[in-house]
ModelCIF file with pLDDT and N, C-alpha, C, O atoms, coordinates in Angstrom:
data_MODEL
#
_entry.id   MODEL 
#
_entity.id                         1 
_entity.type                       polymer 
_entity.pdbx_number_of_molecules   1 
#
_entity_poly.entity_id                      1 
_entity_poly.type                           'polypeptide(L)' 
_entity_poly.nstd_linkage                   no 
_entity_poly.nstd_monomer                   no 
_entity_poly.pdbx_seq_one_letter_code       PPFVGREFNRLIPNSELHFVDKCGHAPMMEVPEAFNEILAGFLN 
_entity_poly.pdbx_seq_one_letter_code_can   PPFVGREFNRLIPNSELHFVDKCGHAPMMEVPEAFNEILAGFLN 
_entity_poly.pdbx_strand_id                 A 
#
loop_
_entity_poly_seq.entity_id 
_entity_poly_seq.num 
_entity_poly_seq.mon_id 
_entity_poly_seq.hetero 
1 1  PRO n 
1 2  PRO n 
1 3  PHE n 
1 4  VAL n 
1 5  GLY n 
1 6  ARG n 
1 7  GLU n 
1 8  PHE n 
1 9  ASN n 
1 10 ARG n 
1 11 LEU n 
1 12 ILE n 
1 13 PRO n 
1 14 ASN n 
1 15 SER n 
1 16 GLU n 
1 17 LEU n 
1 18 HIS n 
1 19 PHE n 
1 20 VAL n 
1 21 ASP n 
1 22 LYS n 
1 23 CYS n 
1 24 GLY n 
1 25 HIS n 
1 26 ALA n 
1 27 PRO n 
1 28 MET n 
1 29 MET n 
1 30 GLU n 
1 31 VAL n 
1 32 PRO n 
1 33 GLU n 
1 34 ALA n 
1 35 PHE n 
1 36 ASN n 
1 37 GLU n 
1 38 ILE n 
1 39 LEU n 
1 40 ALA n 
1 41 GLY n 
1 42 PHE n 
1 43 LEU n 
1 44 ASN n 
#
_struct_asym.id          A 
_struct_asym.entity_id   1 
#
loop_
_ma_qa_metric.id 
_ma_qa_metric.mode 
_ma_qa_metric.name 
_ma_qa_metric.software_group_id 
_ma_qa_metric.type 
1 global pLDDT . pLDDT 
2 local  pLDDT . pLDDT 
#
_ma_qa_metric_global.metric_id      1 
_ma_qa_metric_global.metric_value   96.61 
_ma_qa_metric_global.model_id       1 
_ma_qa_metric_global.ordinal_id     1 
#
loop_
_ma_qa_metric_local.label_asym_id 
_ma_qa_metric_local.label_comp_id 
_ma_qa_metric_local.label_seq_id 
_ma_qa_metric_local.metric_id 
_ma_qa_metric_local.metric_value 
_ma_qa_metric_local.model_id 
_ma_qa_metric_local.ordinal_id 
A PRO 1  2 95.00 1 1  
A PRO 2  2 96.00 1 2  
A PHE 3  2 96.00 1 3  
A VAL 4  2 96.00 1 4  
A GLY 5  2 97.00 1 5  
A ARG 6  2 97.00 1 6  
A GLU 7  2 97.00 1 7  
A PHE 8  2 97.00 1 8  
A ASN 9  2 98.00 1 9  
A ARG 10 2 97.00 1 10 
A LEU 11 2 97.00 1 11 
A ILE 12 2 97.00 1 12 
A PRO 13 2 96.00 1 13 
A ASN 14 2 96.00 1 14 
A SER 15 2 98.00 1 15 
A GLU 16 2 98.00 1 16 
A LEU 17 2 98.00 1 17 
A HIS 18 2 98.00 1 18 
A PHE 19 2 98.00 1 19 
A VAL 20 2 97.00 1 20 
A ASP 21 2 96.00 1 21 
A LYS 22 2 96.00 1 22 
A CYS 23 2 97.00 1 23 
A GLY 24 2 95.00 1 24 
A HIS 25 2 94.00 1 25 
A ALA 26 2 93.00 1 26 
A PRO 27 2 96.00 1 27 
A MET 28 2 96.00 1 28 
A MET 29 2 93.00 1 29 
A GLU 30 2 94.00 1 30 
A VAL 31 2 95.00 1 31 
A PRO 32 2 96.00 1 32 
A GLU 33 2 97.00 1 33 
A ALA 34 2 97.00 1 34 
A PHE 35 2 98.00 1 35 
A ASN 36 2 98.00 1 36 
A GLU 37 2 98.00 1 37 
A ILE 38 2 98.00 1 38 
A LEU 39 2 98.00 1 39 
A ALA 40 2 98.00 1 40 
A GLY 41 2 97.00 1 41 
A PHE 42 2 98.00 1 42 
A LEU 43 2 98.00 1 43 
A ASN 44 2 96.00 1 44 
#
loop_
_atom_site.group_PDB 
_atom_site.id 
_atom_site.type_symbol 
_atom_site.label_atom_id 
_atom_site.label_alt_id 
_atom_site.label_comp_id 
_atom_site.label_asym_id 
_atom_site.label_entity_id 
_atom_site.label_seq_id 
_atom_site.pdbx_PDB_ins_code 
_atom_site.Cartn_x 
_atom_site.Cartn_y 
_atom_site.Cartn_z 
_atom_site.occupancy 
_atom_site.B_iso_or_equiv 
_atom_site.pdbx_formal_charge 
_atom_site.auth_seq_id 
_atom_site.auth_comp_id 
_atom_site.auth_asym_id 
_atom_site.auth_atom_id 
_atom_site.pdbx_PDB_model_num 
ATOM 1   N N  . PRO A 1 1  ? 45.964 20.555 -13.691 1.00 95.00 ? 1  PRO A N  1 
ATOM 2   C CA . PRO A 1 1  ? 46.932 21.483 -13.088 1.00 95.00 ? 1  PRO A CA 1 
ATOM 3   C C  . PRO A 1 1  ? 47.224 21.182 -11.618 1.00 95.00 ? 1  PRO A C  1 
ATOM 4   O O  . PRO A 1 1  ? 46.499 20.418 -10.981 1.00 95.00 ? 1  PRO A O  1 
ATOM 5   N N  . PRO A 1 2  ? 48.297 21.790 -11.078 1.00 96.00 ? 2  PRO A N  1 
ATOM 6   C CA . PRO A 1 2  ? 48.710 21.510 -9.703  1.00 96.00 ? 2  PRO A CA 1 
ATOM 7   C C  . PRO A 1 2  ? 47.603 21.620 -8.662  1.00 96.00 ? 2  PRO A C  1 
ATOM 8   O O  . PRO A 1 2  ? 47.602 20.868 -7.687  1.00 96.00 ? 2  PRO A O  1 
ATOM 9   N N  . PHE A 1 3  ? 46.655 22.548 -8.850  1.00 96.00 ? 3  PHE A N  1 
ATOM 10  C CA . PHE A 1 3  ? 45.587 22.678 -7.845  1.00 96.00 ? 3  PHE A CA 1 
ATOM 11  C C  . PHE A 1 3  ? 44.765 21.390 -7.741  1.00 96.00 ? 3  PHE A C  1 
ATOM 12  O O  . PHE A 1 3  ? 44.173 21.112 -6.698  1.00 96.00 ? 3  PHE A O  1 
ATOM 13  N N  . VAL A 1 4  ? 44.730 20.602 -8.830  1.00 96.00 ? 4  VAL A N  1 
ATOM 14  C CA . VAL A 1 4  ? 43.995 19.336 -8.803  1.00 96.00 ? 4  VAL A CA 1 
ATOM 15  C C  . VAL A 1 4  ? 44.693 18.358 -7.863  1.00 96.00 ? 4  VAL A C  1 
ATOM 16  O O  . VAL A 1 4  ? 44.041 17.665 -7.082  1.00 96.00 ? 4  VAL A O  1 
ATOM 17  N N  . GLY A 1 5  ? 46.018 18.305 -7.941  1.00 97.00 ? 5  GLY A N  1 
ATOM 18  C CA . GLY A 1 5  ? 46.776 17.459 -7.017  1.00 97.00 ? 5  GLY A CA 1 
ATOM 19  C C  . GLY A 1 5  ? 46.543 17.864 -5.572  1.00 97.00 ? 5  GLY A C  1 
ATOM 20  O O  . GLY A 1 5  ? 46.389 17.009 -4.701  1.00 97.00 ? 5  GLY A O  1 
ATOM 21  N N  . ARG A 1 6  ? 46.517 19.176 -5.314  1.00 97.00 ? 6  ARG A N  1 
ATOM 22  C CA . ARG A 1 6  ? 46.287 19.667 -3.950  1.00 97.00 ? 6  ARG A CA 1 
ATOM 23  C C  . ARG A 1 6  ? 44.889 19.283 -3.458  1.00 97.00 ? 6  ARG A C  1 
ATOM 24  O O  . ARG A 1 6  ? 44.700 18.950 -2.288  1.00 97.00 ? 6  ARG A O  1 
ATOM 25  N N  . GLU A 1 7  ? 43.915 19.335 -4.368  1.00 97.00 ? 7  GLU A N  1 
ATOM 26  C CA . GLU A 1 7  ? 42.547 18.992 -3.983  1.00 97.00 ? 7  GLU A CA 1 
ATOM 27  C C  . GLU A 1 7  ? 42.425 17.498 -3.690  1.00 97.00 ? 7  GLU A C  1 
ATOM 28  O O  . GLU A 1 7  ? 41.749 17.116 -2.734  1.00 97.00 ? 7  GLU A O  1 
ATOM 29  N N  . PHE A 1 8  ? 43.064 16.649 -4.491  1.00 97.00 ? 8  PHE A N  1 
ATOM 30  C CA . PHE A 1 8  ? 43.099 15.220 -4.182  1.00 97.00 ? 8  PHE A CA 1 
ATOM 31  C C  . PHE A 1 8  ? 43.724 14.992 -2.804  1.00 97.00 ? 8  PHE A C  1 
ATOM 32  O O  . PHE A 1 8  ? 43.237 14.181 -2.017  1.00 97.00 ? 8  PHE A O  1 
ATOM 33  N N  . ASN A 1 9  ? 44.797 15.708 -2.528  1.00 98.00 ? 9  ASN A N  1 
ATOM 34  C CA . ASN A 1 9  ? 45.494 15.582 -1.251  1.00 98.00 ? 9  ASN A CA 1 
ATOM 35  C C  . ASN A 1 9  ? 44.594 15.986 -0.080  1.00 98.00 ? 9  ASN A C  1 
ATOM 36  O O  . ASN A 1 9  ? 44.635 15.377 0.989   1.00 98.00 ? 9  ASN A O  1 
ATOM 37  N N  . ARG A 1 10 ? 43.799 17.003 -0.297  1.00 97.00 ? 10 ARG A N  1 
ATOM 38  C CA . ARG A 1 10 ? 42.883 17.480 0.749   1.00 97.00 ? 10 ARG A CA 1 
ATOM 39  C C  . ARG A 1 10 ? 41.745 16.487 0.985   1.00 97.00 ? 10 ARG A C  1 
ATOM 40  O O  . ARG A 1 10 ? 41.307 16.298 2.120   1.00 97.00 ? 10 ARG A O  1 
ATOM 41  N N  . LEU A 1 11 ? 41.269 15.857 -0.087  1.00 97.00 ? 11 LEU A N  1 
ATOM 42  C CA . LEU A 1 11 ? 40.071 15.031 0.000   1.00 97.00 ? 11 LEU A CA 1 
ATOM 43  C C  . LEU A 1 11 ? 40.353 13.564 0.357   1.00 97.00 ? 11 LEU A C  1 
ATOM 44  O O  . LEU A 1 11 ? 39.495 12.896 0.934   1.00 97.00 ? 11 LEU A O  1 
ATOM 45  N N  . ILE A 1 12 ? 41.538 13.064 0.022   1.00 97.00 ? 12 ILE A N  1 
ATOM 46  C CA . ILE A 1 12 ? 41.867 11.666 0.338   1.00 97.00 ? 12 ILE A CA 1 
ATOM 47  C C  . ILE A 1 12 ? 42.598 11.640 1.672   1.00 97.00 ? 12 ILE A C  1 
ATOM 48  O O  . ILE A 1 12 ? 43.691 12.196 1.776   1.00 97.00 ? 12 ILE A O  1 
ATOM 49  N N  . PRO A 1 13 ? 42.026 11.011 2.697   1.00 96.00 ? 13 PRO A N  1 
ATOM 50  C CA . PRO A 1 13 ? 42.539 11.142 4.062   1.00 96.00 ? 13 PRO A CA 1 
ATOM 51  C C  . PRO A 1 13 ? 44.012 10.773 4.241   1.00 96.00 ? 13 PRO A C  1 
ATOM 52  O O  . PRO A 1 13 ? 44.778 11.576 4.775   1.00 96.00 ? 13 PRO A O  1 
ATOM 53  N N  . ASN A 1 14 ? 44.422 9.599  3.814   1.00 96.00 ? 14 ASN A N  1 
ATOM 54  C CA . ASN A 1 14 ? 45.771 9.102  4.088   1.00 96.00 ? 14 ASN A CA 1 
ATOM 55  C C  . ASN A 1 14 ? 46.641 9.261  2.848   1.00 96.00 ? 14 ASN A C  1 
ATOM 56  O O  . ASN A 1 14 ? 47.160 8.288  2.301   1.00 96.00 ? 14 ASN A O  1 
ATOM 57  N N  . SER A 1 15 ? 46.789 10.527 2.415   1.00 98.00 ? 15 SER A N  1 
ATOM 58  C CA . SER A 1 15 ? 47.504 10.775 1.165   1.00 98.00 ? 15 SER A CA 1 
ATOM 59  C C  . SER A 1 15 ? 48.689 11.711 1.367   1.00 98.00 ? 15 SER A C  1 
ATOM 60  O O  . SER A 1 15 ? 48.710 12.532 2.284   1.00 98.00 ? 15 SER A O  1 
ATOM 61  N N  . GLU A 1 16 ? 49.678 11.562 0.481   1.00 98.00 ? 16 GLU A N  1 
ATOM 62  C CA . GLU A 1 16 ? 50.821 12.470 0.468   1.00 98.00 ? 16 GLU A CA 1 
ATOM 63  C C  . GLU A 1 16 ? 51.041 12.949 -0.959  1.00 98.00 ? 16 GLU A C  1 
ATOM 64  O O  . GLU A 1 16 ? 50.866 12.187 -1.910  1.00 98.00 ? 16 GLU A O  1 
ATOM 65  N N  . LEU A 1 17 ? 51.423 14.205 -1.106  1.00 98.00 ? 17 LEU A N  1 
ATOM 66  C CA . LEU A 1 17 ? 51.533 14.841 -2.419  1.00 98.00 ? 17 LEU A CA 1 
ATOM 67  C C  . LEU A 1 17 ? 52.965 15.274 -2.680  1.00 98.00 ? 17 LEU A C  1 
ATOM 68  O O  . LEU A 1 17 ? 53.603 15.912 -1.843  1.00 98.00 ? 17 LEU A O  1 
ATOM 69  N N  . HIS A 1 18 ? 53.458 14.910 -3.867  1.00 98.00 ? 18 HIS A N  1 
ATOM 70  C CA . HIS A 1 18 ? 54.803 15.310 -4.294  1.00 98.00 ? 18 HIS A CA 1 
ATOM 71  C C  . HIS A 1 18 ? 54.695 16.009 -5.647  1.00 98.00 ? 18 HIS A C  1 
ATOM 72  O O  . HIS A 1 18 ? 54.138 15.463 -6.599  1.00 98.00 ? 18 HIS A O  1 
ATOM 73  N N  . PHE A 1 19 ? 55.239 17.226 -5.716  1.00 98.00 ? 19 PHE A N  1 
ATOM 74  C CA . PHE A 1 19 ? 55.304 17.936 -6.984  1.00 98.00 ? 19 PHE A CA 1 
ATOM 75  C C  . PHE A 1 19 ? 56.690 17.767 -7.609  1.00 98.00 ? 19 PHE A C  1 
ATOM 76  O O  . PHE A 1 19 ? 57.701 17.704 -6.909  1.00 98.00 ? 19 PHE A O  1 
ATOM 77  N N  . VAL A 1 20 ? 56.711 17.696 -8.939  1.00 97.00 ? 20 VAL A N  1 
ATOM 78  C CA . VAL A 1 20 ? 57.969 17.581 -9.670  1.00 97.00 ? 20 VAL A CA 1 
ATOM 79  C C  . VAL A 1 20 ? 58.070 18.774 -10.614 1.00 97.00 ? 20 VAL A C  1 
ATOM 80  O O  . VAL A 1 20 ? 57.170 19.018 -11.417 1.00 97.00 ? 20 VAL A O  1 
ATOM 81  N N  . ASP A 1 21 ? 59.181 19.521 -10.510 1.00 96.00 ? 21 ASP A N  1 
ATOM 82  C CA . ASP A 1 21 ? 59.369 20.710 -11.341 1.00 96.00 ? 21 ASP A CA 1 
ATOM 83  C C  . ASP A 1 21 ? 59.695 20.330 -12.782 1.00 96.00 ? 21 ASP A C  1 
ATOM 84  O O  . ASP A 1 21 ? 60.181 19.232 -13.055 1.00 96.00 ? 21 ASP A O  1 
ATOM 85  N N  . LYS A 1 22 ? 59.421 21.252 -13.692 1.00 96.00 ? 22 LYS A N  1 
ATOM 86  C CA . LYS A 1 22 ? 59.702 21.080 -15.126 1.00 96.00 ? 22 LYS A CA 1 
ATOM 87  C C  . LYS A 1 22 ? 59.116 19.770 -15.631 1.00 96.00 ? 22 LYS A C  1 
ATOM 88  O O  . LYS A 1 22 ? 59.792 18.965 -16.272 1.00 96.00 ? 22 LYS A O  1 
ATOM 89  N N  . CYS A 1 23 ? 57.831 19.582 -15.321 1.00 97.00 ? 23 CYS A N  1 
ATOM 90  C CA . CYS A 1 23 ? 57.169 18.321 -15.625 1.00 97.00 ? 23 CYS A CA 1 
ATOM 91  C C  . CYS A 1 23 ? 55.692 18.575 -15.893 1.00 97.00 ? 23 CYS A C  1 
ATOM 92  O O  . CYS A 1 23 ? 55.049 19.353 -15.188 1.00 97.00 ? 23 CYS A O  1 
ATOM 93  N N  . GLY A 1 24 ? 55.156 17.907 -16.926 1.00 95.00 ? 24 GLY A N  1 
ATOM 94  C CA . GLY A 1 24 ? 53.770 18.073 -17.299 1.00 95.00 ? 24 GLY A CA 1 
ATOM 95  C C  . GLY A 1 24 ? 52.864 16.975 -16.788 1.00 95.00 ? 24 GLY A C  1 
ATOM 96  O O  . GLY A 1 24 ? 52.899 16.635 -15.606 1.00 95.00 ? 24 GLY A O  1 
ATOM 97  N N  . HIS A 1 25 ? 52.050 16.419 -17.673 1.00 94.00 ? 25 HIS A N  1 
ATOM 98  C CA . HIS A 1 25 ? 50.937 15.544 -17.309 1.00 94.00 ? 25 HIS A CA 1 
ATOM 99  C C  . HIS A 1 25 ? 51.333 14.081 -17.111 1.00 94.00 ? 25 HIS A C  1 
ATOM 100 O O  . HIS A 1 25 ? 50.548 13.299 -16.575 1.00 94.00 ? 25 HIS A O  1 
ATOM 101 N N  . ALA A 1 26 ? 52.536 13.702 -17.533 1.00 93.00 ? 26 ALA A N  1 
ATOM 102 C CA . ALA A 1 26 ? 52.947 12.291 -17.446 1.00 93.00 ? 26 ALA A CA 1 
ATOM 103 C C  . ALA A 1 26 ? 54.334 12.180 -16.816 1.00 93.00 ? 26 ALA A C  1 
ATOM 104 O O  . ALA A 1 26 ? 55.309 11.903 -17.515 1.00 93.00 ? 26 ALA A O  1 
ATOM 105 N N  . PRO A 1 27 ? 54.432 12.393 -15.498 1.00 96.00 ? 27 PRO A N  1 
ATOM 106 C CA . PRO A 1 27 ? 55.743 12.396 -14.836 1.00 96.00 ? 27 PRO A CA 1 
ATOM 107 C C  . PRO A 1 27 ? 56.549 11.107 -15.041 1.00 96.00 ? 27 PRO A C  1 
ATOM 108 O O  . PRO A 1 27 ? 57.776 11.155 -15.129 1.00 96.00 ? 27 PRO A O  1 
ATOM 109 N N  . MET A 1 28 ? 55.866 9.957  -15.118 1.00 96.00 ? 28 MET A N  1 
ATOM 110 C CA . MET A 1 28 ? 56.604 8.700  -15.256 1.00 96.00 ? 28 MET A CA 1 
ATOM 111 C C  . MET A 1 28 ? 57.314 8.609  -16.602 1.00 96.00 ? 28 MET A C  1 
ATOM 112 O O  . MET A 1 28 ? 58.250 7.826  -16.763 1.00 96.00 ? 28 MET A O  1 
ATOM 113 N N  . MET A 1 29 ? 56.862 9.423  -17.584 1.00 93.00 ? 29 MET A N  1 
ATOM 114 C CA . MET A 1 29 ? 57.531 9.486  -18.887 1.00 93.00 ? 29 MET A CA 1 
ATOM 115 C C  . MET A 1 29 ? 58.576 10.597 -18.926 1.00 93.00 ? 29 MET A C  1 
ATOM 116 O O  . MET A 1 29 ? 59.685 10.407 -19.424 1.00 93.00 ? 29 MET A O  1 
ATOM 117 N N  . GLU A 1 30 ? 58.204 11.753 -18.393 1.00 94.00 ? 30 GLU A N  1 
ATOM 118 C CA . GLU A 1 30 ? 59.036 12.945 -18.582 1.00 94.00 ? 30 GLU A CA 1 
ATOM 119 C C  . GLU A 1 30 ? 60.191 13.034 -17.592 1.00 94.00 ? 30 GLU A C  1 
ATOM 120 O O  . GLU A 1 30 ? 61.279 13.494 -17.941 1.00 94.00 ? 30 GLU A O  1 
ATOM 121 N N  . VAL A 1 31 ? 59.957 12.598 -16.370 1.00 95.00 ? 31 VAL A N  1 
ATOM 122 C CA . VAL A 1 31 ? 61.008 12.634 -15.338 1.00 95.00 ? 31 VAL A CA 1 
ATOM 123 C C  . VAL A 1 31 ? 61.051 11.276 -14.632 1.00 95.00 ? 31 VAL A C  1 
ATOM 124 O O  . VAL A 1 31 ? 60.789 11.198 -13.432 1.00 95.00 ? 31 VAL A O  1 
ATOM 125 N N  . PRO A 1 32 ? 61.376 10.212 -15.360 1.00 96.00 ? 32 PRO A N  1 
ATOM 126 C CA . PRO A 1 32 ? 61.259 8.865  -14.804 1.00 96.00 ? 32 PRO A CA 1 
ATOM 127 C C  . PRO A 1 32 ? 62.117 8.630  -13.560 1.00 96.00 ? 32 PRO A C  1 
ATOM 128 O O  . PRO A 1 32 ? 61.693 7.924  -12.645 1.00 96.00 ? 32 PRO A O  1 
ATOM 129 N N  . GLU A 1 33 ? 63.308 9.208  -13.516 1.00 97.00 ? 33 GLU A N  1 
ATOM 130 C CA . GLU A 1 33 ? 64.171 8.975  -12.346 1.00 97.00 ? 33 GLU A CA 1 
ATOM 131 C C  . GLU A 1 33 ? 63.550 9.563  -11.090 1.00 97.00 ? 33 GLU A C  1 
ATOM 132 O O  . GLU A 1 33 ? 63.502 8.900  -10.054 1.00 97.00 ? 33 GLU A O  1 
ATOM 133 N N  . ALA A 1 34 ? 63.075 10.797 -11.169 1.00 97.00 ? 34 ALA A N  1 
ATOM 134 C CA . ALA A 1 34 ? 62.433 11.442 -10.014 1.00 97.00 ? 34 ALA A CA 1 
ATOM 135 C C  . ALA A 1 34 ? 61.170 10.689 -9.628  1.00 97.00 ? 34 ALA A C  1 
ATOM 136 O O  . ALA A 1 34 ? 60.912 10.466 -8.445  1.00 97.00 ? 34 ALA A O  1 
ATOM 137 N N  . PHE A 1 35 ? 60.384 10.297 -10.624 1.00 98.00 ? 35 PHE A N  1 
ATOM 138 C CA . PHE A 1 35 ? 59.148 9.566  -10.364 1.00 98.00 ? 35 PHE A CA 1 
ATOM 139 C C  . PHE A 1 35 ? 59.439 8.258  -9.639  1.00 98.00 ? 35 PHE A C  1 
ATOM 140 O O  . PHE A 1 35 ? 58.812 7.951  -8.626  1.00 98.00 ? 35 PHE A O  1 
ATOM 141 N N  . ASN A 1 36 ? 60.389 7.493  -10.159 1.00 98.00 ? 36 ASN A N  1 
ATOM 142 C CA . ASN A 1 36 ? 60.697 6.191  -9.568  1.00 98.00 ? 36 ASN A CA 1 
ATOM 143 C C  . ASN A 1 36 ? 61.250 6.321  -8.156  1.00 98.00 ? 36 ASN A C  1 
ATOM 144 O O  . ASN A 1 36 ? 60.997 5.471  -7.303  1.00 98.00 ? 36 ASN A O  1 
ATOM 145 N N  . GLU A 1 37 ? 62.003 7.382  -7.912  1.00 98.00 ? 37 GLU A N  1 
ATOM 146 C CA . GLU A 1 37 ? 62.552 7.600  -6.567  1.00 98.00 ? 37 GLU A CA 1 
ATOM 147 C C  . GLU A 1 37 ? 61.432 7.892  -5.565  1.00 98.00 ? 37 GLU A C  1 
ATOM 148 O O  . GLU A 1 37 ? 61.432 7.353  -4.458  1.00 98.00 ? 37 GLU A O  1 
ATOM 149 N N  . ILE A 1 38 ? 60.488 8.737  -5.950  1.00 98.00 ? 38 ILE A N  1 
ATOM 150 C CA . ILE A 1 38 ? 59.361 9.052  -5.058  1.00 98.00 ? 38 ILE A CA 1 
ATOM 151 C C  . ILE A 1 38 ? 58.522 7.805  -4.808  1.00 98.00 ? 38 ILE A C  1 
ATOM 152 O O  . ILE A 1 38 ? 58.139 7.525  -3.672  1.00 98.00 ? 38 ILE A O  1 
ATOM 153 N N  . LEU A 1 39 ? 58.237 7.057  -5.871  1.00 98.00 ? 39 LEU A N  1 
ATOM 154 C CA . LEU A 1 39 ? 57.415 5.853  -5.740  1.00 98.00 ? 39 LEU A CA 1 
ATOM 155 C C  . LEU A 1 39 ? 58.120 4.800  -4.899  1.00 98.00 ? 39 LEU A C  1 
ATOM 156 O O  . LEU A 1 39 ? 57.488 4.158  -4.060  1.00 98.00 ? 39 LEU A O  1 
ATOM 157 N N  . ALA A 1 40 ? 59.408 4.614  -5.108  1.00 98.00 ? 40 ALA A N  1 
ATOM 158 C CA . ALA A 1 40 ? 60.156 3.619  -4.328  1.00 98.00 ? 40 ALA A CA 1 
ATOM 159 C C  . ALA A 1 40 ? 60.147 3.975  -2.842  1.00 98.00 ? 40 ALA A C  1 
ATOM 160 O O  . ALA A 1 40 ? 59.998 3.098  -1.991  1.00 98.00 ? 40 ALA A O  1 
ATOM 161 N N  . GLY A 1 41 ? 60.306 5.257  -2.535  1.00 97.00 ? 41 GLY A N  1 
ATOM 162 C CA . GLY A 1 41 ? 60.273 5.681  -1.138  1.00 97.00 ? 41 GLY A CA 1 
ATOM 163 C C  . GLY A 1 41 ? 58.926 5.394  -0.487  1.00 97.00 ? 41 GLY A C  1 
ATOM 164 O O  . GLY A 1 41 ? 58.860 4.947  0.658   1.00 97.00 ? 41 GLY A O  1 
ATOM 165 N N  . PHE A 1 42 ? 57.867 5.653  -1.223  1.00 98.00 ? 42 PHE A N  1 
ATOM 166 C CA . PHE A 1 42 ? 56.513 5.393  -0.726  1.00 98.00 ? 42 PHE A CA 1 
ATOM 167 C C  . PHE A 1 42 ? 56.300 3.894  -0.496  1.00 98.00 ? 42 PHE A C  1 
ATOM 168 O O  . PHE A 1 42 ? 55.809 3.496  0.561   1.00 98.00 ? 42 PHE A O  1 
ATOM 169 N N  . LEU A 1 43 ? 56.659 3.069  -1.464  1.00 98.00 ? 43 LEU A N  1 
ATOM 170 C CA . LEU A 1 43 ? 56.463 1.623  -1.342  1.00 98.00 ? 43 LEU A CA 1 
ATOM 171 C C  . LEU A 1 43 ? 57.326 1.029  -0.236  1.00 98.00 ? 43 LEU A C  1 
ATOM 172 O O  . LEU A 1 43 ? 56.907 0.099  0.454   1.00 98.00 ? 43 LEU A O  1 
ATOM 173 N N  . ASN A 1 44 ? 58.531 1.568  -0.068  1.00 96.00 ? 44 ASN A N  1 
ATOM 174 C CA . ASN A 1 44 ? 59.409 1.060  0.993   1.00 96.00 ? 44 ASN A CA 1 
ATOM 175 C C  . ASN A 1 44 ? 58.835 1.346  2.377   1.00 96.00 ? 44 ASN A C  1 
ATOM 176 O O  . ASN A 1 44 ? 59.444 0.987  3.385   1.00 96.00 ? 44 ASN A O  1 
#
């Protein structure tokens, strides 16, 4: 659940957290366009 993402964000020093609405456990499958946009921005 979302609180797990928040806890990872709190515990990993150089981390950034992005939530995607209307999305479950596999964002790269369920919302691929949003996922790829977030990942591309991070890698760039």
